């Protein structure tokens, strides 16, 4: 996965299971579930291996970018309010 072409965000995440790991008693179950979904690309997004490029475009905004996990959590202007 570290060199994966399809799961590019995975290599950026920490594999350290020390005190800063996201699975702790201080994080809510909702938070942990969403981190696991992000790490495993389990969100139901348009970006999937094998789909045509046109079918992978973000259906929420007009930027005509791939609706991958990075676009979903960091770029898409429609979701700006949820990031605050």
Protein backbone atom coordinates (compact mmCIF):
# COMPACT_ATOMS: atom_id res chain seq x y z
CA UNK A 1 0.00 0.00 0.00
CA UNK A 2 2.90 2.42 0.61
CA UNK A 3 3.57 2.66 -3.15
CA UNK A 4 -0.02 2.16 -4.26
CA UNK A 5 -1.18 4.15 -7.23
CA UNK A 6 -4.86 3.78 -6.31
CA UNK A 7 -4.75 4.57 -2.59
CA UNK A 8 -2.46 7.60 -2.64
CA UNK A 9 -3.59 9.03 0.71
CA UNK A 10 -2.84 5.75 2.55
CA UNK A 11 0.93 6.26 2.38
CA UNK A 12 0.58 9.65 4.10
CA UNK A 13 -1.03 8.20 7.22
CA UNK A 14 0.87 7.09 10.29
CA UNK A 15 1.34 3.42 11.11
CA UNK A 16 2.62 4.25 14.60
CA UNK A 17 0.44 2.59 17.24
CA UNK A 18 1.83 4.79 20.03
CA UNK A 19 -0.04 7.33 22.16
CA UNK A 20 -0.93 9.49 19.12
CA UNK A 21 -2.76 6.68 17.33
CA UNK A 22 -6.37 7.42 16.38
CA UNK A 23 -7.79 4.29 18.07
CA UNK A 24 -7.86 5.47 21.67
CA UNK A 25 -10.41 5.93 24.43
CA UNK A 26 -10.34 9.70 23.86
CA UNK A 27 -11.71 9.52 20.29
CA UNK A 28 -15.36 8.88 19.56
CA UNK A 29 -16.48 5.78 17.71
CA UNK A 30 -17.75 8.04 14.89
CA UNK A 31 -14.27 9.58 14.50
CA UNK A 32 -12.55 6.18 14.51
CA UNK A 33 -15.03 4.76 11.97
CA UNK A 34 -14.44 7.67 9.60
CA UNK A 35 -10.65 7.39 9.84
CA UNK A 36 -10.91 3.69 9.02
CA UNK A 37 -13.15 4.51 6.04
CA UNK A 38 -10.66 7.12 4.84
CA UNK A 39 -7.68 4.78 5.21
CA UNK A 40 -9.47 1.98 3.39
CA UNK A 41 -11.12 4.18 0.73
CA UNK A 42 -14.49 2.87 1.92
CA UNK A 43 -16.51 6.04 1.31
CA UNK A 44 -19.01 5.66 -1.52
CA UNK A 45 -17.27 8.06 -3.91
CA UNK A 46 -17.27 8.19 -7.70
CA UNK A 47 -13.54 7.44 -7.88
CA UNK A 48 -13.09 3.69 -8.34
CA UNK A 49 -10.60 1.55 -10.20
CA UNK A 50 -11.97 0.47 -13.55
CA UNK A 51 -14.47 3.30 -14.04
CA UNK A 52 -14.16 5.73 -16.92
CA UNK A 53 -12.64 9.09 -16.05
CA UNK A 54 -15.94 10.85 -16.76
CA UNK A 55 -17.74 8.62 -14.26
CA UNK A 56 -15.18 9.50 -11.58
CA UNK A 57 -15.77 13.29 -11.67
CA UNK A 58 -17.15 14.88 -8.49
CA UNK A 59 -20.93 15.05 -8.68
CA UNK A 60 -21.17 17.77 -6.02
CA UNK A 61 -19.09 20.62 -7.43
CA UNK A 62 -18.25 22.13 -10.81
CA UNK A 63 -14.46 21.80 -10.57
CA UNK A 64 -14.45 18.76 -12.89
CA UNK A 65 -11.96 16.95 -10.64
CA UNK A 66 -11.82 13.29 -9.68
CA UNK A 67 -14.01 12.58 -6.66
CA UNK A 68 -11.29 10.80 -4.69
CA UNK A 69 -10.85 10.86 -0.93
CA UNK A 70 -8.50 13.87 -1.03
CA UNK A 71 -10.97 15.91 -3.08
CA UNK A 72 -13.80 14.86 -0.75
CA UNK A 73 -12.11 15.78 2.54
CA UNK A 74 -9.93 18.72 1.46
CA UNK A 75 -10.91 20.34 -1.85
CA UNK A 76 -14.60 20.14 -2.75
CA UNK A 77 -16.08 23.62 -2.16
CA UNK A 78 -19.55 22.20 -1.47
CA UNK A 79 -18.22 20.51 1.68
CA UNK A 80 -16.39 23.58 3.05
CA UNK A 81 -18.91 24.12 5.86
CA UNK A 82 -18.43 20.55 7.11
CA UNK A 83 -14.65 21.05 7.37
CA UNK A 84 -14.97 23.91 9.88
